[in-house]
N, C-alpha and C. Protein backbone atom coordinates (compact mmCIF):
# COMPACT_ATOMS: atom_id res chain seq x y z
N MET A 1 0.83 -1.19 0.00
CA MET A 1 0.00 0.00 0.00
C MET A 1 0.88 1.25 0.00
N ALA A 2 1.93 1.26 0.80
CA ALA A 2 2.79 2.44 0.88
C ALA A 2 3.40 2.78 -0.48
N LEU A 3 3.80 1.78 -1.21
CA LEU A 3 4.41 2.01 -2.52
C LEU A 3 3.41 2.66 -3.48
N PHE A 4 2.22 2.10 -3.59
CA PHE A 4 1.20 2.68 -4.46
C PHE A 4 0.79 4.06 -3.97
N TRP A 5 0.72 4.25 -2.65
CA TRP A 5 0.30 5.52 -2.08
C TRP A 5 1.27 6.63 -2.47
N VAL A 6 2.55 6.33 -2.43
CA VAL A 6 3.56 7.33 -2.73
C VAL A 6 3.73 7.52 -4.24
N LYS A 7 3.88 6.42 -4.97
CA LYS A 7 4.20 6.51 -6.40
C LYS A 7 2.98 6.56 -7.31
N GLY A 8 1.87 6.05 -6.85
CA GLY A 8 0.69 5.97 -7.70
C GLY A 8 0.67 4.66 -8.47
N TYR A 9 -0.46 4.40 -9.08
CA TYR A 9 -0.64 3.14 -9.82
C TYR A 9 0.28 3.07 -11.03
N THR A 10 0.27 4.08 -11.86
CA THR A 10 1.00 4.05 -13.12
C THR A 10 2.51 4.01 -12.91
N ALA A 11 3.02 4.80 -12.00
CA ALA A 11 4.47 4.90 -11.79
C ALA A 11 5.06 3.71 -11.05
N THR A 12 4.23 2.90 -10.44
CA THR A 12 4.73 1.73 -9.73
C THR A 12 4.98 0.61 -10.73
N SER A 13 6.23 0.20 -10.83
CA SER A 13 6.60 -0.85 -11.79
C SER A 13 6.57 -2.22 -11.13
N LEU A 14 6.61 -3.24 -11.97
CA LEU A 14 6.68 -4.61 -11.45
C LEU A 14 7.96 -4.79 -10.63
N LYS A 15 9.04 -4.15 -11.07
CA LYS A 15 10.31 -4.22 -10.33
C LYS A 15 10.14 -3.59 -8.94
N ASP A 16 9.41 -2.48 -8.86
CA ASP A 16 9.13 -1.85 -7.56
C ASP A 16 8.36 -2.82 -6.66
N LEU A 17 7.37 -3.47 -7.24
CA LEU A 17 6.55 -4.42 -6.48
C LEU A 17 7.39 -5.62 -6.01
N GLU A 18 8.27 -6.12 -6.89
CA GLU A 18 9.14 -7.22 -6.52
C GLU A 18 9.97 -6.86 -5.29
N GLN A 19 10.55 -5.66 -5.31
CA GLN A 19 11.39 -5.23 -4.19
C GLN A 19 10.57 -5.03 -2.92
N ALA A 20 9.42 -4.38 -3.04
CA ALA A 20 8.60 -4.10 -1.86
C ALA A 20 8.04 -5.37 -1.24
N LEU A 21 7.62 -6.30 -2.08
CA LEU A 21 7.00 -7.53 -1.59
C LEU A 21 7.99 -8.65 -1.36
N LYS A 22 9.22 -8.45 -1.87
CA LYS A 22 10.25 -9.49 -1.79
C LYS A 22 9.73 -10.78 -2.42
N MET A 23 9.15 -10.61 -3.60
CA MET A 23 8.58 -11.72 -4.36
C MET A 23 9.02 -11.61 -5.81
N ARG A 24 9.06 -12.74 -6.49
CA ARG A 24 9.35 -12.77 -7.93
C ARG A 24 8.04 -12.50 -8.70
N PRO A 25 8.17 -12.06 -9.95
CA PRO A 25 6.97 -11.74 -10.73
C PRO A 25 5.93 -12.86 -10.77
N GLY A 26 6.38 -14.09 -10.97
CA GLY A 26 5.44 -15.21 -11.01
C GLY A 26 4.67 -15.37 -9.71
N SER A 27 5.35 -15.17 -8.60
CA SER A 27 4.70 -15.27 -7.29
C SER A 27 3.72 -14.13 -7.07
N ILE A 28 4.08 -12.95 -7.55
CA ILE A 28 3.18 -11.80 -7.43
C ILE A 28 1.89 -12.07 -8.20
N TYR A 29 2.03 -12.55 -9.43
CA TYR A 29 0.85 -12.81 -10.24
C TYR A 29 0.04 -13.99 -9.70
N ALA A 30 0.72 -14.98 -9.13
CA ALA A 30 0.01 -16.11 -8.54
C ALA A 30 -0.80 -15.66 -7.32
N ALA A 31 -0.23 -14.74 -6.55
CA ALA A 31 -0.90 -14.28 -5.33
C ALA A 31 -1.97 -13.24 -5.60
N PHE A 32 -1.73 -12.37 -6.58
CA PHE A 32 -2.62 -11.22 -6.76
C PHE A 32 -3.27 -11.13 -8.14
N GLN A 33 -2.94 -12.03 -9.06
CA GLN A 33 -3.47 -12.09 -10.42
C GLN A 33 -2.97 -10.97 -11.34
N SER A 34 -2.89 -9.75 -10.86
CA SER A 34 -2.45 -8.65 -11.71
C SER A 34 -2.04 -7.46 -10.85
N LYS A 35 -1.33 -6.54 -11.47
CA LYS A 35 -0.97 -5.30 -10.78
C LYS A 35 -2.24 -4.54 -10.41
N GLU A 36 -3.22 -4.53 -11.31
CA GLU A 36 -4.49 -3.84 -11.06
C GLU A 36 -5.22 -4.44 -9.86
N ALA A 37 -5.22 -5.76 -9.76
CA ALA A 37 -5.90 -6.42 -8.62
C ALA A 37 -5.18 -6.11 -7.30
N LEU A 38 -3.86 -6.08 -7.35
CA LEU A 38 -3.09 -5.74 -6.14
C LEU A 38 -3.35 -4.29 -5.74
N PHE A 39 -3.36 -3.39 -6.72
CA PHE A 39 -3.65 -1.99 -6.43
C PHE A 39 -5.05 -1.86 -5.83
N ARG A 40 -6.00 -2.54 -6.41
CA ARG A 40 -7.38 -2.48 -5.92
C ARG A 40 -7.45 -2.95 -4.47
N ALA A 41 -6.74 -4.02 -4.15
CA ALA A 41 -6.73 -4.53 -2.77
C ALA A 41 -6.14 -3.50 -1.81
N THR A 42 -5.07 -2.82 -2.22
CA THR A 42 -4.47 -1.82 -1.34
C THR A 42 -5.37 -0.59 -1.22
N LEU A 43 -6.00 -0.21 -2.32
CA LEU A 43 -6.93 0.92 -2.30
C LEU A 43 -8.11 0.62 -1.37
N ASP A 44 -8.64 -0.59 -1.47
CA ASP A 44 -9.75 -0.99 -0.60
C ASP A 44 -9.32 -0.98 0.87
N LEU A 45 -8.14 -1.48 1.15
CA LEU A 45 -7.64 -1.49 2.53
C LEU A 45 -7.52 -0.07 3.07
N TYR A 46 -6.93 0.81 2.28
CA TYR A 46 -6.78 2.21 2.69
C TYR A 46 -8.14 2.83 2.97
N ALA A 47 -9.05 2.70 2.02
CA ALA A 47 -10.36 3.34 2.14
C ALA A 47 -11.17 2.75 3.29
N GLU A 48 -11.11 1.45 3.45
CA GLU A 48 -11.88 0.81 4.53
C GLU A 48 -11.38 1.27 5.90
N ARG A 49 -10.09 1.51 6.04
CA ARG A 49 -9.57 2.04 7.30
C ARG A 49 -10.10 3.44 7.55
N MET A 50 -10.09 4.27 6.51
CA MET A 50 -10.59 5.64 6.63
C MET A 50 -12.09 5.63 6.96
N GLU A 51 -12.83 4.80 6.25
CA GLU A 51 -14.28 4.69 6.48
C GLU A 51 -14.58 4.19 7.89
N ALA A 52 -13.82 3.21 8.36
CA ALA A 52 -14.04 2.67 9.70
C ALA A 52 -13.74 3.73 10.77
N GLU A 53 -12.65 4.47 10.59
CA GLU A 53 -12.29 5.52 11.55
C GLU A 53 -13.37 6.59 11.62
N LEU A 54 -13.80 7.06 10.47
CA LEU A 54 -14.82 8.10 10.44
C LEU A 54 -16.15 7.57 10.99
N GLY A 55 -16.54 6.39 10.57
CA GLY A 55 -17.79 5.80 11.04
C GLY A 55 -17.80 5.61 12.55
N ALA A 56 -16.69 5.14 13.10
CA ALA A 56 -16.59 4.93 14.55
C ALA A 56 -16.65 6.25 15.30
N MET A 57 -15.99 7.26 14.76
CA MET A 57 -16.01 8.57 15.43
C MET A 57 -17.44 9.09 15.53
N ILE A 58 -18.19 8.97 14.45
CA ILE A 58 -19.57 9.46 14.42
C ILE A 58 -20.46 8.61 15.31
N GLN A 59 -20.30 7.31 15.22
CA GLN A 59 -21.14 6.37 15.98
C GLN A 59 -20.92 6.48 17.48
N ASP A 60 -19.66 6.61 17.89
CA ASP A 60 -19.32 6.56 19.31
C ASP A 60 -19.43 7.89 20.04
N ALA A 61 -19.51 8.97 19.31
CA ALA A 61 -19.51 10.29 19.94
C ALA A 61 -20.90 10.63 20.49
N PRO A 62 -20.95 11.29 21.63
CA PRO A 62 -22.24 11.73 22.14
C PRO A 62 -22.85 12.83 21.27
N SER A 63 -22.01 13.52 20.50
CA SER A 63 -22.47 14.59 19.62
C SER A 63 -21.90 14.34 18.22
N ALA A 64 -22.79 14.10 17.25
CA ALA A 64 -22.34 13.86 15.89
C ALA A 64 -21.61 15.08 15.33
N LEU A 65 -22.11 16.26 15.63
CA LEU A 65 -21.48 17.48 15.13
C LEU A 65 -20.07 17.64 15.70
N SER A 66 -19.91 17.35 16.97
CA SER A 66 -18.59 17.41 17.58
C SER A 66 -17.65 16.38 16.98
N ALA A 67 -18.18 15.21 16.66
CA ALA A 67 -17.36 14.17 16.03
C ALA A 67 -16.88 14.63 14.65
N LEU A 68 -17.77 15.22 13.88
CA LEU A 68 -17.39 15.71 12.55
C LEU A 68 -16.35 16.81 12.65
N ARG A 69 -16.56 17.70 13.61
CA ARG A 69 -15.60 18.78 13.85
C ARG A 69 -14.25 18.20 14.28
N GLY A 70 -14.29 17.23 15.17
CA GLY A 70 -13.06 16.60 15.64
C GLY A 70 -12.31 15.90 14.52
N TYR A 71 -13.05 15.32 13.59
CA TYR A 71 -12.40 14.65 12.47
C TYR A 71 -11.62 15.67 11.64
N LEU A 72 -12.21 16.83 11.38
CA LEU A 72 -11.49 17.86 10.65
C LEU A 72 -10.23 18.29 11.40
N LEU A 73 -10.37 18.50 12.70
CA LEU A 73 -9.21 18.91 13.49
C LEU A 73 -8.09 17.86 13.46
N SER A 74 -8.48 16.60 13.41
CA SER A 74 -7.47 15.53 13.38
C SER A 74 -6.65 15.56 12.10
N LEU A 75 -7.15 16.21 11.07
CA LEU A 75 -6.44 16.27 9.80
C LEU A 75 -5.48 17.45 9.73
N GLY A 76 -5.41 18.24 10.77
CA GLY A 76 -4.58 19.43 10.76
C GLY A 76 -3.12 19.20 11.05
N GLY A 77 -2.76 18.00 11.45
CA GLY A 77 -1.36 17.74 11.77
C GLY A 77 -0.57 17.35 10.53
N LEU A 78 0.67 17.77 10.47
CA LEU A 78 1.55 17.40 9.37
C LEU A 78 2.39 16.18 9.69
N ASP A 79 2.33 15.70 10.91
CA ASP A 79 3.10 14.53 11.29
C ASP A 79 2.55 13.32 10.55
N ALA A 80 3.36 12.76 9.68
CA ALA A 80 2.90 11.65 8.84
C ALA A 80 2.74 10.35 9.62
N CYS A 81 3.27 10.28 10.82
CA CYS A 81 3.21 9.06 11.64
C CYS A 81 3.68 7.88 10.80
N ASN A 82 2.81 6.90 10.66
CA ASN A 82 3.18 5.72 9.88
C ASN A 82 2.64 5.81 8.45
N LYS A 83 2.30 7.01 8.01
CA LYS A 83 1.75 7.20 6.68
C LYS A 83 2.88 7.55 5.71
N PRO A 84 2.88 6.94 4.55
CA PRO A 84 3.94 7.25 3.59
C PRO A 84 3.74 8.60 2.89
N SER A 85 2.55 9.16 2.98
CA SER A 85 2.24 10.43 2.33
C SER A 85 1.17 11.13 3.16
N THR A 86 1.23 12.45 3.20
CA THR A 86 0.18 13.19 3.91
C THR A 86 -1.04 13.40 3.03
N ALA A 87 -0.87 13.26 1.72
CA ALA A 87 -2.01 13.40 0.81
C ALA A 87 -2.83 12.11 0.84
N CYS A 88 -4.09 12.23 0.54
CA CYS A 88 -5.01 11.10 0.56
C CYS A 88 -4.79 10.20 -0.65
N MET A 89 -4.68 8.90 -0.42
CA MET A 89 -4.50 7.95 -1.50
C MET A 89 -5.70 7.95 -2.44
N LEU A 90 -6.90 8.15 -1.90
CA LEU A 90 -8.09 8.19 -2.76
C LEU A 90 -8.04 9.38 -3.71
N VAL A 91 -7.69 10.54 -3.18
CA VAL A 91 -7.62 11.74 -4.02
C VAL A 91 -6.52 11.60 -5.06
N LYS A 92 -5.36 11.15 -4.63
CA LYS A 92 -4.26 10.95 -5.58
C LYS A 92 -4.68 9.96 -6.67
N SER A 93 -5.36 8.91 -6.30
CA SER A 93 -5.79 7.90 -7.27
C SER A 93 -6.86 8.45 -8.21
N LEU A 94 -7.78 9.24 -7.67
CA LEU A 94 -8.82 9.83 -8.51
C LEU A 94 -8.21 10.73 -9.58
N LEU A 95 -7.20 11.49 -9.20
CA LEU A 95 -6.56 12.39 -10.14
C LEU A 95 -5.72 11.64 -11.17
N GLU A 96 -5.16 10.51 -10.78
CA GLU A 96 -4.30 9.75 -11.68
C GLU A 96 -5.07 8.81 -12.61
N ILE A 97 -6.04 8.13 -12.08
CA ILE A 97 -6.69 7.05 -12.83
C ILE A 97 -7.88 7.62 -13.61
N GLN A 98 -7.75 7.56 -14.90
CA GLN A 98 -8.79 8.11 -15.77
C GLN A 98 -9.64 6.98 -16.34
N THR A 99 -10.33 7.26 -17.39
CA THR A 99 -11.29 6.31 -17.96
C THR A 99 -10.62 5.09 -18.59
N ASP A 100 -9.30 5.09 -18.74
CA ASP A 100 -8.61 3.93 -19.30
C ASP A 100 -8.57 2.76 -18.32
N HIS A 101 -8.91 3.01 -17.06
CA HIS A 101 -9.02 1.95 -16.04
C HIS A 101 -10.37 2.11 -15.33
N PRO A 102 -11.46 1.81 -16.03
CA PRO A 102 -12.80 2.09 -15.47
C PRO A 102 -13.09 1.38 -14.15
N GLU A 103 -12.59 0.15 -13.98
CA GLU A 103 -12.87 -0.56 -12.73
C GLU A 103 -12.17 0.10 -11.55
N LEU A 104 -10.92 0.49 -11.74
CA LEU A 104 -10.19 1.16 -10.65
C LEU A 104 -10.81 2.52 -10.35
N ARG A 105 -11.13 3.26 -11.39
CA ARG A 105 -11.76 4.57 -11.18
C ARG A 105 -13.10 4.40 -10.47
N GLY A 106 -13.85 3.40 -10.87
CA GLY A 106 -15.13 3.12 -10.21
C GLY A 106 -14.95 2.79 -8.74
N ALA A 107 -13.89 2.04 -8.42
CA ALA A 107 -13.63 1.70 -7.03
C ALA A 107 -13.31 2.94 -6.21
N VAL A 108 -12.51 3.84 -6.77
CA VAL A 108 -12.19 5.09 -6.08
C VAL A 108 -13.47 5.89 -5.84
N LEU A 109 -14.29 6.02 -6.87
CA LEU A 109 -15.53 6.79 -6.75
C LEU A 109 -16.48 6.14 -5.74
N ASP A 110 -16.53 4.82 -5.72
CA ASP A 110 -17.39 4.12 -4.74
C ASP A 110 -16.95 4.42 -3.31
N HIS A 111 -15.64 4.42 -3.08
CA HIS A 111 -15.14 4.72 -1.73
C HIS A 111 -15.44 6.18 -1.36
N LEU A 112 -15.28 7.07 -2.30
CA LEU A 112 -15.60 8.48 -2.03
C LEU A 112 -17.09 8.63 -1.71
N ASP A 113 -17.94 7.89 -2.42
CA ASP A 113 -19.37 7.92 -2.13
C ASP A 113 -19.67 7.37 -0.73
N THR A 114 -18.96 6.33 -0.33
CA THR A 114 -19.17 5.77 1.01
C THR A 114 -18.81 6.80 2.08
N ILE A 115 -17.72 7.50 1.89
CA ILE A 115 -17.31 8.54 2.85
C ILE A 115 -18.36 9.65 2.90
N ARG A 116 -18.84 10.04 1.73
CA ARG A 116 -19.89 11.08 1.70
C ARG A 116 -21.14 10.61 2.44
N ARG A 117 -21.51 9.34 2.27
CA ARG A 117 -22.69 8.82 2.97
C ARG A 117 -22.47 8.80 4.49
N LEU A 118 -21.27 8.46 4.92
CA LEU A 118 -20.97 8.49 6.35
C LEU A 118 -21.10 9.91 6.90
N LEU A 119 -20.60 10.86 6.16
CA LEU A 119 -20.72 12.26 6.58
C LEU A 119 -22.19 12.68 6.59
N GLU A 120 -22.94 12.27 5.59
CA GLU A 120 -24.36 12.60 5.54
C GLU A 120 -25.10 11.99 6.73
N ASP A 121 -24.75 10.76 7.08
CA ASP A 121 -25.36 10.14 8.26
C ASP A 121 -25.03 10.94 9.52
N GLY A 122 -23.79 11.41 9.60
CA GLY A 122 -23.40 12.23 10.75
C GLY A 122 -24.21 13.51 10.84
N PHE A 123 -24.38 14.18 9.72
CA PHE A 123 -25.18 15.41 9.72
C PHE A 123 -26.66 15.11 9.97
N SER A 124 -27.14 13.98 9.51
CA SER A 124 -28.53 13.59 9.81
C SER A 124 -28.71 13.36 11.31
N LYS A 125 -27.73 12.70 11.93
CA LYS A 125 -27.77 12.51 13.38
C LYS A 125 -27.75 13.86 14.11
N ALA A 126 -26.90 14.76 13.63
CA ALA A 126 -26.81 16.09 14.25
C ALA A 126 -28.12 16.84 14.11
N ARG A 127 -28.76 16.73 12.97
CA ARG A 127 -30.05 17.41 12.76
C ARG A 127 -31.12 16.80 13.66
N ALA A 128 -31.14 15.47 13.75
CA ALA A 128 -32.14 14.79 14.60
C ALA A 128 -31.94 15.15 16.08
N ALA A 129 -30.71 15.42 16.47
CA ALA A 129 -30.41 15.78 17.87
C ALA A 129 -30.58 17.27 18.13
N GLY A 130 -30.95 18.03 17.11
CA GLY A 130 -31.13 19.47 17.28
C GLY A 130 -29.83 20.25 17.30
N GLU A 131 -28.75 19.63 16.86
CA GLU A 131 -27.44 20.32 16.85
C GLU A 131 -27.31 21.28 15.68
N ILE A 132 -28.05 21.02 14.63
CA ILE A 132 -28.06 21.90 13.46
C ILE A 132 -29.52 22.18 13.12
N PRO A 133 -29.79 23.22 12.36
CA PRO A 133 -31.18 23.57 12.07
C PRO A 133 -31.96 22.42 11.42
N ALA A 134 -33.24 22.37 11.70
CA ALA A 134 -34.11 21.32 11.18
C ALA A 134 -34.19 21.35 9.66
N ASP A 135 -33.97 22.52 9.07
CA ASP A 135 -34.05 22.61 7.61
C ASP A 135 -32.69 22.43 6.93
N ALA A 136 -31.66 22.08 7.70
CA ALA A 136 -30.34 21.84 7.13
C ALA A 136 -30.39 20.61 6.23
N ASP A 137 -29.64 20.65 5.16
CA ASP A 137 -29.60 19.57 4.19
C ASP A 137 -28.35 18.71 4.44
N PRO A 138 -28.50 17.54 5.08
CA PRO A 138 -27.34 16.70 5.38
C PRO A 138 -26.52 16.32 4.15
N ALA A 139 -27.18 16.10 3.02
CA ALA A 139 -26.45 15.72 1.80
C ALA A 139 -25.55 16.87 1.34
N ARG A 140 -26.07 18.06 1.37
CA ARG A 140 -25.29 19.23 0.96
C ARG A 140 -24.14 19.48 1.93
N LEU A 141 -24.42 19.38 3.21
CA LEU A 141 -23.37 19.56 4.22
C LEU A 141 -22.29 18.49 4.10
N ALA A 142 -22.69 17.27 3.76
CA ALA A 142 -21.72 16.18 3.59
C ALA A 142 -20.79 16.46 2.41
N ARG A 143 -21.34 16.94 1.31
CA ARG A 143 -20.49 17.27 0.16
C ARG A 143 -19.52 18.39 0.51
N ARG A 144 -20.01 19.36 1.25
CA ARG A 144 -19.16 20.48 1.68
C ARG A 144 -18.04 19.98 2.59
N MET A 145 -18.39 19.14 3.56
CA MET A 145 -17.36 18.65 4.47
C MET A 145 -16.39 17.73 3.76
N GLN A 146 -16.87 16.94 2.81
CA GLN A 146 -15.96 16.08 2.06
C GLN A 146 -14.94 16.94 1.29
N THR A 147 -15.39 18.06 0.78
CA THR A 147 -14.48 18.99 0.12
C THR A 147 -13.44 19.51 1.12
N TYR A 148 -13.87 19.83 2.33
CA TYR A 148 -12.93 20.26 3.37
C TYR A 148 -11.91 19.17 3.68
N ILE A 149 -12.40 17.95 3.86
CA ILE A 149 -11.51 16.83 4.23
C ILE A 149 -10.44 16.63 3.17
N PHE A 150 -10.87 16.50 1.93
CA PHE A 150 -9.90 16.21 0.88
C PHE A 150 -9.06 17.42 0.55
N GLY A 151 -9.60 18.60 0.72
CA GLY A 151 -8.80 19.81 0.57
C GLY A 151 -7.69 19.86 1.61
N LEU A 152 -8.00 19.51 2.84
CA LEU A 152 -6.98 19.47 3.89
C LEU A 152 -5.91 18.42 3.57
N LYS A 153 -6.34 17.29 3.06
CA LYS A 153 -5.38 16.23 2.74
C LYS A 153 -4.48 16.62 1.57
N ILE A 154 -5.00 17.39 0.65
CA ILE A 154 -4.16 17.89 -0.45
C ILE A 154 -3.22 18.97 0.08
N GLN A 155 -3.75 19.89 0.87
CA GLN A 155 -2.94 20.96 1.43
C GLN A 155 -1.80 20.40 2.28
N ALA A 156 -2.06 19.31 2.97
CA ALA A 156 -1.02 18.69 3.80
C ALA A 156 0.16 18.21 2.97
N GLN A 157 -0.08 17.93 1.71
CA GLN A 157 1.01 17.48 0.83
C GLN A 157 1.95 18.63 0.48
N ARG A 158 1.44 19.85 0.48
CA ARG A 158 2.28 20.98 0.07
C ARG A 158 2.68 21.90 1.22
N GLU A 159 1.99 21.84 2.33
CA GLU A 159 2.26 22.73 3.46
C GLU A 159 3.49 22.26 4.23
N THR A 160 4.30 23.20 4.65
CA THR A 160 5.48 22.86 5.45
C THR A 160 5.41 23.43 6.86
N ASP A 161 4.45 24.29 7.11
CA ASP A 161 4.33 24.93 8.42
C ASP A 161 3.21 24.24 9.21
N PRO A 162 3.57 23.48 10.25
CA PRO A 162 2.55 22.77 11.03
C PRO A 162 1.52 23.71 11.66
N ASP A 163 1.96 24.89 12.09
CA ASP A 163 1.02 25.83 12.70
C ASP A 163 0.00 26.33 11.68
N ALA A 164 0.45 26.62 10.47
CA ALA A 164 -0.47 27.08 9.42
C ALA A 164 -1.48 25.99 9.08
N MET A 165 -1.01 24.76 9.05
CA MET A 165 -1.90 23.65 8.73
C MET A 165 -2.94 23.47 9.84
N GLN A 166 -2.51 23.57 11.08
CA GLN A 166 -3.44 23.43 12.20
C GLN A 166 -4.46 24.57 12.21
N ARG A 167 -4.02 25.79 11.89
CA ARG A 167 -4.95 26.92 11.82
C ARG A 167 -5.99 26.71 10.72
N LEU A 168 -5.56 26.18 9.59
CA LEU A 168 -6.51 25.91 8.50
C LEU A 168 -7.55 24.88 8.93
N ALA A 169 -7.11 23.81 9.56
CA ALA A 169 -8.05 22.80 10.05
C ALA A 169 -8.99 23.41 11.09
N GLN A 170 -8.46 24.27 11.94
CA GLN A 170 -9.28 24.94 12.96
C GLN A 170 -10.33 25.82 12.31
N ASP A 171 -9.94 26.56 11.27
CA ASP A 171 -10.90 27.43 10.57
C ASP A 171 -12.05 26.61 9.98
N LEU A 172 -11.72 25.49 9.36
CA LEU A 172 -12.76 24.65 8.76
C LEU A 172 -13.64 24.01 9.83
N ALA A 173 -13.03 23.60 10.93
CA ALA A 173 -13.80 23.02 12.03
C ALA A 173 -14.72 24.07 12.64
N ASP A 174 -14.24 25.31 12.70
CA ASP A 174 -15.08 26.39 13.23
C ASP A 174 -16.31 26.62 12.34
N GLU A 175 -16.15 26.43 11.04
CA GLU A 175 -17.31 26.56 10.15
C GLU A 175 -18.37 25.50 10.48
N ILE A 176 -17.91 24.32 10.82
CA ILE A 176 -18.86 23.26 11.22
C ILE A 176 -19.53 23.66 12.54
N SER A 177 -18.78 24.23 13.45
CA SER A 177 -19.35 24.69 14.72
C SER A 177 -20.40 25.77 14.52
N GLU A 178 -20.21 26.61 13.51
CA GLU A 178 -21.18 27.68 13.22
C GLU A 178 -22.57 27.10 12.91
N LEU A 179 -22.63 25.90 12.41
CA LEU A 179 -23.91 25.27 12.13
C LEU A 179 -24.73 25.12 13.41
N ARG A 180 -24.03 24.84 14.51
CA ARG A 180 -24.70 24.68 15.80
C ARG A 180 -25.36 25.98 16.23
N ARG A 181 -24.66 27.08 16.00
CA ARG A 181 -25.21 28.37 16.41
C ARG A 181 -26.47 28.74 15.62
N ALA A 182 -26.56 28.20 14.42
CA ALA A 182 -27.74 28.47 13.59
C ALA A 182 -28.95 27.62 14.01
N ALA A 183 -28.72 26.61 14.81
CA ALA A 183 -29.81 25.70 15.21
C ALA A 183 -30.73 26.35 16.23
């Protein structure tokens, strides 16, 4: 996953995969059938982790709005921890993989739709709890927040000042908090 995350699908060669997996080409194809299938498996693993983290935050929090706000704040750090890249693998893949790989592109879009639905569920919970106005549109808010999330993940790839990155995340989280004041 780290190799594809950093280099992308197209730039990752079979030789790169051999070195990373410590396997010969025949073994790679026997285990994964194709480079595309291996990439898809890593993409699914990445996305499922992100989806599980976001879903758990929303599900476990006493306040859905606070959970959504907290998720934005969590993206403000530049510390890559165990991540090979601060940019989102889904966003990088969406930008790289065009219509010449429809199954891979479809998988990326499906994962992005799942994240949007999780966000929409969070905003629906917040509306039901009276945290945001009754006439708020959870689908619209989810698209807006998804733009914030992926914008932060792209900005993290180019930003070098941790304080500036944290302030940006704080500004976006504050916009989510403003929804509460409108309720």
